[in-house]
Amino acid sequence: MDQVEVDLVGKLSMRSEPFRQWWAAHDVRYHQTGRKRLHHPIVGDLELEYEVMEISADSGLRLAVFSAEPGTRSAEALDLLESWIAKPDSVAAHRD
């Protein structure tokens, strides 16, 4: 935050109890994009890029999309996990 923003937050905090409570409760670690490192119990460590998008149909809802850079070990691990998902066509073929 620049000095103008700091001053504004200070003034609002001094004059408004609701603002003071809201400001104290805000999560400053919320990010819209970035990189996450996750550990999957079967395929191991994954390094994934993510983007969070607001859902306009319902305030407060967000959709997070994760992806791996093509050609990386993380992409190969996701491909392996995807291969384990039963395809609707193959499930129907086994029922007949």
PDB file of N, CA and C in Angstrom:
ATOM      1  N   MET A   1       0.844  -1.180   0.000  1.00  0.00           N
ATOM      2  CA  MET A   1       0.000   0.000   0.000  1.00  0.00           C
ATOM      3  C   MET A   1       0.886   1.239   0.000  1.00  0.00           C
ATOM      4  N   ASP A   2       0.446   2.228  -0.754  1.00  0.00           N
ATOM      5  CA  ASP A   2       1.189   3.483  -0.735  1.00  0.00           C
ATOM      6  C   ASP A   2       0.694   4.353   0.419  1.00  0.00           C
ATOM      7  N   GLN A   3       1.320   5.496   0.636  1.00  0.00           N
ATOM      8  CA  GLN A   3       1.006   6.333   1.802  1.00  0.00           C
ATOM      9  C   GLN A   3      -0.426   6.857   1.775  1.00  0.00           C
ATOM     10  N   VAL A   4      -0.944   7.173   0.610  1.00  0.00           N
ATOM     11  CA  VAL A   4      -2.328   7.653   0.510  1.00  0.00           C
ATOM     12  C   VAL A   4      -3.290   6.575   1.001  1.00  0.00           C
ATOM     13  N   GLU A   5      -3.050   5.325   0.589  1.00  0.00           N
ATOM     14  CA  GLU A   5      -3.912   4.226   1.028  1.00  0.00           C
ATOM     15  C   GLU A   5      -3.790   3.991   2.531  1.00  0.00           C
ATOM     16  N   VAL A   6      -2.575   4.072   3.043  1.00  0.00           N
ATOM     17  CA  VAL A   6      -2.357   3.895   4.482  1.00  0.00           C
ATOM     18  C   VAL A   6      -3.112   4.964   5.261  1.00  0.00           C
ATOM     19  N   ASP A   7      -3.031   6.208   4.788  1.00  0.00           N
ATOM     20  CA  ASP A   7      -3.739   7.309   5.455  1.00  0.00           C
ATOM     21  C   ASP A   7      -5.245   7.096   5.415  1.00  0.00           C
ATOM     22  N   LEU A   8      -5.763   6.657   4.267  1.00  0.00           N
ATOM     23  CA  LEU A   8      -7.201   6.423   4.132  1.00  0.00           C
ATOM     24  C   LEU A   8      -7.663   5.327   5.089  1.00  0.00           C
ATOM     25  N   VAL A   9      -6.930   4.231   5.140  1.00  0.00           N
ATOM     26  CA  VAL A   9      -7.292   3.134   6.052  1.00  0.00           C
ATOM     27  C   VAL A   9      -7.248   3.629   7.495  1.00  0.00           C
ATOM     28  N   GLY A  10      -6.262   4.430   7.819  1.00  0.00           N
ATOM     29  CA  GLY A  10      -6.165   4.984   9.172  1.00  0.00           C
ATOM     30  C   GLY A  10      -7.363   5.842   9.528  1.00  0.00           C
ATOM     31  N   LYS A  11      -7.763   6.728   8.614  1.00  0.00           N
ATOM     32  CA  LYS A  11      -8.910   7.605   8.868  1.00  0.00           C
ATOM     33  C   LYS A  11     -10.198   6.797   9.002  1.00  0.00           C
ATOM     34  N   LEU A  12     -10.394   5.863   8.091  1.00  0.00           N
ATOM     35  CA  LEU A  12     -11.607   5.036   8.163  1.00  0.00           C
ATOM     36  C   LEU A  12     -11.642   4.213   9.436  1.00  0.00           C
ATOM     37  N   SER A  13     -10.504   3.701   9.855  1.00  0.00           N
ATOM     38  CA  SER A  13     -10.437   2.898  11.073  1.00  0.00           C
ATOM     39  C   SER A  13     -10.779   3.721  12.309  1.00  0.00           C
ATOM     40  N   MET A  14     -10.354   4.979  12.322  1.00  0.00           N
ATOM     41  CA  MET A  14     -10.618   5.842  13.475  1.00  0.00           C
ATOM     42  C   MET A  14     -12.088   6.248  13.542  1.00  0.00           C
ATOM     43  N   ARG A  15     -12.760   6.316  12.398  1.00  0.00           N
ATOM     44  CA  ARG A  15     -14.121   6.859  12.354  1.00  0.00           C
ATOM     45  C   ARG A  15     -15.226   5.812  12.259  1.00  0.00           C
ATOM     46  N   SER A  16     -14.867   4.553  12.007  1.00  0.00           N
ATOM     47  CA  SER A  16     -15.909   3.564  11.755  1.00  0.00           C
ATOM     48  C   SER A  16     -15.579   2.233  12.418  1.00  0.00           C
ATOM     49  N   GLU A  17     -16.392   1.873  13.405  1.00  0.00           N
ATOM     50  CA  GLU A  17     -16.220   0.563  14.058  1.00  0.00           C
ATOM     51  C   GLU A  17     -16.446  -0.591  13.083  1.00  0.00           C
ATOM     52  N   PRO A  18     -17.497  -0.553  12.238  1.00  0.00           N
ATOM     53  CA  PRO A  18     -17.660  -1.644  11.262  1.00  0.00           C
ATOM     54  C   PRO A  18     -16.453  -1.785  10.329  1.00  0.00           C
ATOM     55  N   PHE A  19     -15.905  -0.676   9.856  1.00  0.00           N
ATOM     56  CA  PHE A  19     -14.729  -0.751   8.991  1.00  0.00           C
ATOM     57  C   PHE A  19     -13.551  -1.339   9.758  1.00  0.00           C
ATOM     58  N   ARG A  20     -13.368  -0.927  10.995  1.00  0.00           N
ATOM     59  CA  ARG A  20     -12.251  -1.422  11.814  1.00  0.00           C
ATOM     60  C   ARG A  20     -12.343  -2.940  11.954  1.00  0.00           C
ATOM     61  N   GLN A  21     -13.541  -3.460  12.191  1.00  0.00           N
ATOM     62  CA  GLN A  21     -13.717  -4.909  12.317  1.00  0.00           C
ATOM     63  C   GLN A  21     -13.473  -5.602  10.981  1.00  0.00           C
ATOM     64  N   TRP A  22     -14.017  -5.013   9.914  1.00  0.00           N
ATOM     65  CA  TRP A  22     -13.825  -5.605   8.584  1.00  0.00           C
ATOM     66  C   TRP A  22     -12.344  -5.632   8.212  1.00  0.00           C
ATOM     67  N   TRP A  23     -11.665  -4.523   8.435  1.00  0.00           N
ATOM     68  CA  TRP A  23     -10.257  -4.443   8.044  1.00  0.00           C
ATOM     69  C   TRP A  23      -9.409  -5.426   8.855  1.00  0.00           C
ATOM     70  N   ALA A  24      -9.697  -5.568  10.127  1.00  0.00           N
ATOM     71  CA  ALA A  24      -8.938  -6.484  10.979  1.00  0.00           C
ATOM     72  C   ALA A  24      -9.134  -7.935  10.549  1.00  0.00           C
ATOM     73  N   ALA A  25     -10.295  -8.256   9.971  1.00  0.00           N
ATOM     74  CA  ALA A  25     -10.605  -9.635   9.606  1.00  0.00           C
ATOM     75  C   ALA A  25     -10.182  -9.998   8.184  1.00  0.00           C
ATOM     76  N   HIS A  26      -9.767  -9.044   7.374  1.00  0.00           N
ATOM     77  CA  HIS A  26      -9.467  -9.378   5.972  1.00  0.00           C
ATOM     78  C   HIS A  26      -8.225 -10.266   5.858  1.00  0.00           C
ATOM     79  N   ASP A  27      -8.246 -11.125   4.870  1.00  0.00           N
ATOM     80  CA  ASP A  27      -7.166 -12.085   4.650  1.00  0.00           C
ATOM     81  C   ASP A  27      -6.206 -11.514   3.620  1.00  0.00           C
ATOM     82  N   VAL A  28      -5.068 -11.047   4.061  1.00  0.00           N
ATOM     83  CA  VAL A  28      -4.116 -10.407   3.151  1.00  0.00           C
ATOM     84  C   VAL A  28      -3.336 -11.422   2.327  1.00  0.00           C
ATOM     85  N   ARG A  29      -3.512 -12.708   2.588  1.00  0.00           N
ATOM     86  CA  ARG A  29      -2.790 -13.734   1.845  1.00  0.00           C
ATOM     87  C   ARG A  29      -3.581 -14.296   0.669  1.00  0.00           C
ATOM     88  N   TYR A  30      -4.756 -13.754   0.393  1.00  0.00           N
ATOM     89  CA  TYR A  30      -5.567 -14.236  -0.719  1.00  0.00           C
ATOM     90  C   TYR A  30      -4.947 -13.774  -2.031  1.00  0.00           C
ATOM     91  N   HIS A  31      -4.683 -14.708  -2.914  1.00  0.00           N
ATOM     92  CA  HIS A  31      -4.077 -14.399  -4.202  1.00  0.00           C
ATOM     93  C   HIS A  31      -4.967 -14.925  -5.325  1.00  0.00           C
ATOM     94  N   GLN A  32      -5.009 -14.209  -6.432  1.00  0.00           N
ATOM     95  CA  GLN A  32      -5.801 -14.610  -7.588  1.00  0.00           C
ATOM     96  C   GLN A  32      -5.036 -15.597  -8.483  1.00  0.00           C
ATOM     97  N   THR A  33      -3.736 -15.469  -8.534  1.00  0.00           N
ATOM     98  CA  THR A  33      -2.913 -16.359  -9.359  1.00  0.00           C
ATOM     99  C   THR A  33      -1.646 -16.702  -8.603  1.00  0.00           C
ATOM    100  N   GLY A  34      -1.014 -17.769  -9.040  1.00  0.00           N
ATOM    101  CA  GLY A  34       0.243 -18.125  -8.408  1.00  0.00           C
ATOM    102  C   GLY A  34       0.620 -19.564  -8.670  1.00  0.00           C
ATOM    103  N   ARG A  35       1.486 -20.052  -7.831  1.00  0.00           N
ATOM    104  CA  ARG A  35       1.981 -21.425  -7.937  1.00  0.00           C
ATOM    105  C   ARG A  35       1.833 -22.094  -6.584  1.00  0.00           C
ATOM    106  N   LYS A  36       1.318 -23.308  -6.602  1.00  0.00           N
ATOM    107  CA  LYS A  36       1.152 -24.091  -5.376  1.00  0.00           C
ATOM    108  C   LYS A  36       1.965 -25.365  -5.489  1.00  0.00           C
ATOM    109  N   ARG A  37       2.509 -25.766  -4.392  1.00  0.00           N
ATOM    110  CA  ARG A  37       3.176 -27.068  -4.302  1.00  0.00           C
ATOM    111  C   ARG A  37       2.295 -27.944  -3.426  1.00  0.00           C
ATOM    112  N   LEU A  38       1.907 -29.066  -3.981  1.00  0.00           N
ATOM    113  CA  LEU A  38       1.026 -30.003  -3.291  1.00  0.00           C
ATOM    114  C   LEU A  38       1.682 -31.370  -3.245  1.00  0.00           C
ATOM    115  N   HIS A  39       1.261 -32.178  -2.293  1.00  0.00           N
ATOM    116  CA  HIS A  39       1.759 -33.552  -2.229  1.00  0.00           C
ATOM    117  C   HIS A  39       0.582 -34.496  -2.376  1.00  0.00           C
ATOM    118  N   HIS A  40       0.613 -35.321  -3.404  1.00  0.00           N
ATOM    119  CA  HIS A  40      -0.411 -36.340  -3.618  1.00  0.00           C
ATOM    120  C   HIS A  40       0.135 -37.653  -3.068  1.00  0.00           C
ATOM    121  N   PRO A  41      -0.681 -38.436  -2.345  1.00  0.00           N
ATOM    122  CA  PRO A  41      -0.165 -39.653  -1.712  1.00  0.00           C
ATOM    123  C   PRO A  41       0.326 -40.714  -2.689  1.00  0.00           C
ATOM    124  N   ILE A  42      -0.098 -40.669  -3.947  1.00  0.00           N
ATOM    125  CA  ILE A  42       0.322 -41.695  -4.904  1.00  0.00           C
ATOM    126  C   ILE A  42       1.384 -41.176  -5.864  1.00  0.00           C
ATOM    127  N   VAL A  43       1.157 -40.007  -6.460  1.00  0.00           N
ATOM    128  CA  VAL A  43       2.098 -39.512  -7.483  1.00  0.00           C
ATOM    129  C   VAL A  43       3.152 -38.569  -6.925  1.00  0.00           C
ATOM    130  N   GLY A  44       3.049 -38.237  -5.651  1.00  0.00           N
ATOM    131  CA  GLY A  44       4.085 -37.428  -5.014  1.00  0.00           C
ATOM    132  C   GLY A  44       3.867 -35.935  -5.159  1.00  0.00           C
ATOM    133  N   ASP A  45       4.976 -35.200  -5.173  1.00  0.00           N
ATOM    134  CA  ASP A  45       4.926 -33.748  -5.190  1.00  0.00           C
ATOM    135  C   ASP A  45       4.497 -33.218  -6.553  1.00  0.00           C
ATOM    136  N   LEU A  46       3.645 -32.198  -6.515  1.00  0.00           N
ATOM    137  CA  LEU A  46       3.159 -31.540  -7.725  1.00  0.00           C
ATOM    138  C   LEU A  46       3.416 -30.046  -7.591  1.00  0.00           C
ATOM    139  N   GLU A  47       3.822 -29.426  -8.680  1.00  0.00           N
ATOM    140  CA  GLU A  47       3.951 -27.981  -8.724  1.00  0.00           C
ATOM    141  C   GLU A  47       2.976 -27.487  -9.788  1.00  0.00           C
ATOM    142  N   LEU A  48       1.946 -26.756  -9.330  1.00  0.00           N
ATOM    143  CA  LEU A  48       0.849 -26.375 -10.210  1.00  0.00           C
ATOM    144  C   LEU A  48       0.645 -24.867 -10.213  1.00  0.00           C
ATOM    145  N   GLU A  49       0.355 -24.335 -11.382  1.00  0.00           N
ATOM    146  CA  GLU A  49      -0.054 -22.935 -11.513  1.00  0.00           C
ATOM    147  C   GLU A  49      -1.549 -22.889 -11.220  1.00  0.00           C
ATOM    148  N   TYR A  50      -2.011 -21.776 -10.653  1.00  0.00           N
ATOM    149  CA  TYR A  50      -3.441 -21.662 -10.400  1.00  0.00           C
ATOM    150  C   TYR A  50      -3.938 -20.263 -10.719  1.00  0.00           C
ATOM    151  N   GLU A  51      -5.237 -20.196 -10.986  1.00  0.00           N
ATOM    152  CA  GLU A  51      -5.928 -18.930 -11.170  1.00  0.00           C
ATOM    153  C   GLU A  51      -7.290 -19.060 -10.507  1.00  0.00           C
ATOM    154  N   VAL A  52      -7.656 -18.052  -9.739  1.00  0.00           N
ATOM    155  CA  VAL A  52      -8.940 -18.034  -9.060  1.00  0.00           C
ATOM    156  C   VAL A  52      -9.828 -17.010  -9.752  1.00  0.00           C
ATOM    157  N   MET A  53     -11.041 -17.442 -10.088  1.00  0.00           N
ATOM    158  CA  MET A  53     -11.979 -16.562 -10.778  1.00  0.00           C
ATOM    159  C   MET A  53     -13.245 -16.415  -9.955  1.00  0.00           C
ATOM    160  N   GLU A  54     -13.772 -15.205  -9.906  1.00  0.00           N
ATOM    161  CA  GLU A  54     -15.029 -14.940  -9.223  1.00  0.00           C
ATOM    162  C   GLU A  54     -16.179 -15.477 -10.075  1.00  0.00           C
ATOM    163  N   ILE A  55     -17.167 -16.064  -9.438  1.00  0.00           N
ATOM    164  CA  ILE A  55     -18.364 -16.544 -10.121  1.00  0.00           C
ATOM    165  C   ILE A  55     -19.417 -15.439 -10.010  1.00  0.00           C
ATOM    166  N   SER A  56     -19.763 -14.834 -11.128  1.00  0.00           N
ATOM    167  CA  SER A  56     -20.663 -13.677 -11.092  1.00  0.00           C
ATOM    168  C   SER A  56     -22.091 -14.046 -10.715  1.00  0.00           C
ATOM    169  N   ALA A  57     -22.493 -15.279 -10.900  1.00  0.00           N
ATOM    170  CA  ALA A  57     -23.866 -15.689 -10.597  1.00  0.00           C
ATOM    171  C   ALA A  57     -24.158 -15.701  -9.098  1.00  0.00           C
ATOM    172  N   ASP A  58     -23.129 -15.814  -8.273  1.00  0.00           N
ATOM    173  CA  ASP A  58     -23.346 -15.905  -6.833  1.00  0.00           C
ATOM    174  C   ASP A  58     -22.165 -15.268  -6.114  1.00  0.00           C
ATOM    175  N   SER A  59     -22.380 -14.148  -5.464  1.00  0.00           N
ATOM    176  CA  SER A  59     -21.264 -13.456  -4.819  1.00  0.00           C
ATOM    177  C   SER A  59     -20.634 -14.337  -3.747  1.00  0.00           C
ATOM    178  N   GLY A  60     -19.349 -14.257  -3.645  1.00  0.00           N
ATOM    179  CA  GLY A  60     -18.622 -15.050  -2.670  1.00  0.00           C
ATOM    180  C   GLY A  60     -18.128 -16.384  -3.190  1.00  0.00           C
ATOM    181  N   LEU A  61     -18.646 -16.829  -4.329  1.00  0.00           N
ATOM    182  CA  LEU A  61     -18.169 -18.084  -4.906  1.00  0.00           C
ATOM    183  C   LEU A  61     -16.980 -17.824  -5.811  1.00  0.00           C
ATOM    184  N   ARG A  62     -16.014 -18.719  -5.749  1.00  0.00           N
ATOM    185  CA  ARG A  62     -14.819 -18.617  -6.599  1.00  0.00           C
ATOM    186  C   ARG A  62     -14.525 -19.988  -7.188  1.00  0.00           C
ATOM    187  N   LEU A  63     -13.942 -19.979  -8.361  1.00  0.00           N
ATOM    188  CA  LEU A  63     -13.517 -21.205  -9.028  1.00  0.00           C
ATOM    189  C   LEU A  63     -12.003 -21.150  -9.161  1.00  0.00           C
ATOM    190  N   ALA A  64     -11.327 -22.169  -8.666  1.00  0.00           N
ATOM    191  CA  ALA A  64      -9.875 -22.242  -8.784  1.00  0.00           C
ATOM    192  C   ALA A  64      -9.519 -23.277  -9.843  1.00  0.00           C
ATOM    193  N   VAL A  65      -8.669 -22.885 -10.784  1.00  0.00           N
ATOM    194  CA  VAL A  65      -8.235 -23.768 -11.860  1.00  0.00           C
ATOM    195  C   VAL A  65      -6.739 -24.001 -11.691  1.00  0.00           C
ATOM    196  N   PHE A  66      -6.357 -25.278 -11.663  1.00  0.00           N
ATOM    197  CA  PHE A  66      -4.955 -25.649 -11.511  1.00  0.00           C
ATOM    198  C   PHE A  66      -4.471 -26.320 -12.784  1.00  0.00           C
ATOM    199  N   SER A  67      -3.223 -26.060 -13.153  1.00  0.00           N
ATOM    200  CA  SER A  67      -2.637 -26.709 -14.333  1.00  0.00           C
ATOM    201  C   SER A  67      -1.141 -26.865 -14.118  1.00  0.00           C
ATOM    202  N   ALA A  68      -0.592 -27.835 -14.829  1.00  0.00           N
ATOM    203  CA  ALA A  68       0.851 -28.079 -14.774  1.00  0.00           C
ATOM    204  C   ALA A  68       1.465 -27.660 -16.100  1.00  0.00           C
ATOM    205  N   GLU A  69       2.674 -27.176 -16.034  1.00  0.00           N
ATOM    206  CA  GLU A  69       3.377 -26.805 -17.258  1.00  0.00           C
ATOM    207  C   GLU A  69       3.643 -28.069 -18.082  1.00  0.00           C
ATOM    208  N   PRO A  70       3.275 -28.043 -19.371  1.00  0.00           N
ATOM    209  CA  PRO A  70       3.477 -29.228 -20.217  1.00  0.00           C
ATOM    210  C   PRO A  70       4.929 -29.713 -20.196  1.00  0.00           C
ATOM    211  N   GLY A  71       5.074 -31.036 -20.188  1.00  0.00           N
ATOM    212  CA  GLY A  71       6.404 -31.635 -20.227  1.00  0.00           C
ATOM    213  C   GLY A  71       7.092 -31.767 -18.884  1.00  0.00           C
ATOM    214  N   THR A  72       6.462 -31.296 -17.824  1.00  0.00           N
ATOM    215  CA  THR A  72       7.078 -31.391 -16.496  1.00  0.00           C
ATOM    216  C   THR A  72       6.659 -32.687 -15.814  1.00  0.00           C
ATOM    217  N   ARG A  73       7.352 -33.022 -14.738  1.00  0.00           N
ATOM    218  CA  ARG A  73       6.997 -34.195 -13.951  1.00  0.00           C
ATOM    219  C   ARG A  73       5.589 -34.047 -13.381  1.00  0.00           C
ATOM    220  N   SER A  74       5.210 -32.820 -13.026  1.00  0.00           N
ATOM    221  CA  SER A  74       3.865 -32.580 -12.511  1.00  0.00           C
ATOM    222  C   SER A  74       2.814 -32.875 -13.578  1.00  0.00           C
ATOM    223  N   ALA A  75       3.072 -32.483 -14.819  1.00  0.00           N
ATOM    224  CA  ALA A  75       2.132 -32.766 -15.911  1.00  0.00           C
ATOM    225  C   ALA A  75       2.006 -34.275 -16.124  1.00  0.00           C
ATOM    226  N   GLU A  76       3.117 -34.984 -16.064  1.00  0.00           N
ATOM    227  CA  GLU A  76       3.088 -36.442 -16.216  1.00  0.00           C
ATOM    228  C   GLU A  76       2.293 -37.086 -15.078  1.00  0.00           C
ATOM    229  N   ALA A  77       2.453 -36.570 -13.865  1.00  0.00           N
ATOM    230  CA  ALA A  77       1.717 -37.110 -12.718  1.00  0.00           C
ATOM    231  C   ALA A  77       0.219 -36.878 -12.885  1.00  0.00           C
ATOM    232  N   LEU A  78      -0.170 -35.700 -13.364  1.00  0.00           N
ATOM    233  CA  LEU A  78      -1.592 -35.437 -13.594  1.00  0.00           C
ATOM    234  C   LEU A  78      -2.137 -36.328 -14.705  1.00  0.00           C
ATOM    235  N   ASP A  79      -1.340 -36.569 -15.747  1.00  0.00           N
ATOM    236  CA  ASP A  79      -1.760 -37.478 -16.818  1.00  0.00           C
ATOM    237  C   ASP A  79      -2.007 -38.883 -16.272  1.00  0.00           C
ATOM    238  N   LEU A  80      -1.139 -39.325 -15.374  1.00  0.00           N
ATOM    239  CA  LEU A  80      -1.310 -40.647 -14.763  1.00  0.00           C
ATOM    240  C   LEU A  80      -2.609 -40.703 -13.963  1.00  0.00           C
ATOM    241  N   LEU A  81      -2.857 -39.687 -13.163  1.00  0.00           N
ATOM    242  CA  LEU A  81      -4.099 -39.658 -12.387  1.00  0.00           C
ATOM    243  C   LEU A  81      -5.319 -39.622 -13.296  1.00  0.00           C
ATOM    244  N   GLU A  82      -5.238 -38.873 -14.375  1.00  0.00           N
ATOM    245  CA  GLU A  82      -6.352 -38.800 -15.316  1.00  0.00           C
ATOM    246  C   GLU A  82      -6.621 -40.158 -15.952  1.00  0.00           C
ATOM    247  N   SER A  83      -5.566 -40.924 -16.217  1.00  0.00           N
ATOM    248  CA  SER A  83      -5.747 -42.224 -16.868  1.00  0.00           C
ATOM    249  C   SER A  83      -6.514 -43.202 -15.988  1.00  0.00           C
ATOM    250  N   TRP A  84      -6.555 -42.954 -14.694  1.00  0.00           N
ATOM    251  CA  TRP A  84      -7.257 -43.847 -13.781  1.00  0.00           C
ATOM    252  C   TRP A  84      -8.749 -43.565 -13.718  1.00  0.00           C
ATOM    253  N   ILE A  85      -9.186 -42.447 -14.272  1.00  0.00           N
ATOM    254  CA  ILE A  85     -10.605 -42.089 -14.227  1.00  0.00           C
ATOM    255  C   ILE A  85     -11.357 -42.952 -15.226  1.00  0.00           C
ATOM    256  N   ALA A  86     -12.448 -43.569 -14.769  1.00  0.00           N
ATOM    257  CA  ALA A  86     -13.268 -44.403 -15.661  1.00  0.00           C
ATOM    258  C   ALA A  86     -13.964 -43.507 -16.670  1.00  0.00           C
ATOM    259  N   LYS A  87     -13.827 -43.818 -17.929  1.00  0.00           N
ATOM    260  CA  LYS A  87     -14.484 -43.083 -18.998  1.00  0.00           C
ATOM    261  C   LYS A  87     -15.921 -43.594 -19.121  1.00  0.00           C
ATOM    262  N   PRO A  88     -16.913 -42.705 -19.277  1.00  0.00           N
ATOM    263  CA  PRO A  88     -18.306 -43.155 -19.377  1.00  0.00           C
ATOM    264  C   PRO A  88     -18.508 -44.195 -20.470  1.00  0.00           C
ATOM    265  N   ASP A  89     -17.862 -44.066 -21.642  1.00  0.00           N
ATOM    266  CA  ASP A  89     -18.035 -45.027 -22.718  1.00  0.00           C
ATOM    267  C   ASP A  89     -17.507 -46.407 -22.311  1.00  0.00           C
ATOM    268  N   SER A  90     -16.378 -46.453 -21.613  1.00  0.00           N
ATOM    269  CA  SER A  90     -15.806 -47.749 -21.246  1.00  0.00           C
ATOM    270  C   SER A  90     -16.636 -48.417 -20.145  1.00  0.00           C
ATOM    271  N   VAL A  91     -17.244 -47.638 -19.260  1.00  0.00           N
ATOM    272  CA  VAL A  91     -18.098 -48.211 -18.220  1.00  0.00           C
ATOM    273  C   VAL A  91     -19.340 -48.799 -18.854  1.00  0.00           C
ATOM    274  N   ALA A  92     -19.948 -48.082 -19.789  1.00  0.00           N
ATOM    275  CA  ALA A  92     -21.148 -48.580 -20.472  1.00  0.00           C
ATOM    276  C   ALA A  92     -20.829 -49.839 -21.264  1.00  0.00           C
ATOM    277  N   ALA A  93     -19.671 -49.917 -21.905  1.00  0.00           N
ATOM    278  CA  ALA A  93     -19.284 -51.083 -22.706  1.00  0.00           C
ATOM    279  C   ALA A  93     -19.127 -52.317 -21.816  1.00  0.00           C
ATOM    280  N   HIS A  94     -18.651 -52.139 -20.577  1.00  0.00           N
ATOM    281  CA  HIS A  94     -18.471 -53.281 -19.686  1.00  0.00           C
ATOM    282  C   HIS A  94     -19.789 -53.777 -19.121  1.00  0.00           C
ATOM    283  N   ARG A  95     -20.825 -52.949 -19.124  1.00  0.00           N
ATOM    284  CA  ARG A  95     -22.135 -53.350 -18.604  1.00  0.00           C
ATOM    285  C   ARG A  95     -22.879 -54.220 -19.609  1.00  0.00           C
ATOM    286  N   ASP A  96     -22.620 -54.036 -20.898  1.00  0.00           N
ATOM    287  CA  ASP A  96     -23.362 -54.783 -21.945  1.00  0.00           C
ATOM    288  C   ASP A  96     -22.929 -56.198 -22.092  1.00  0.00           C
TER     289      ASP A  96
END
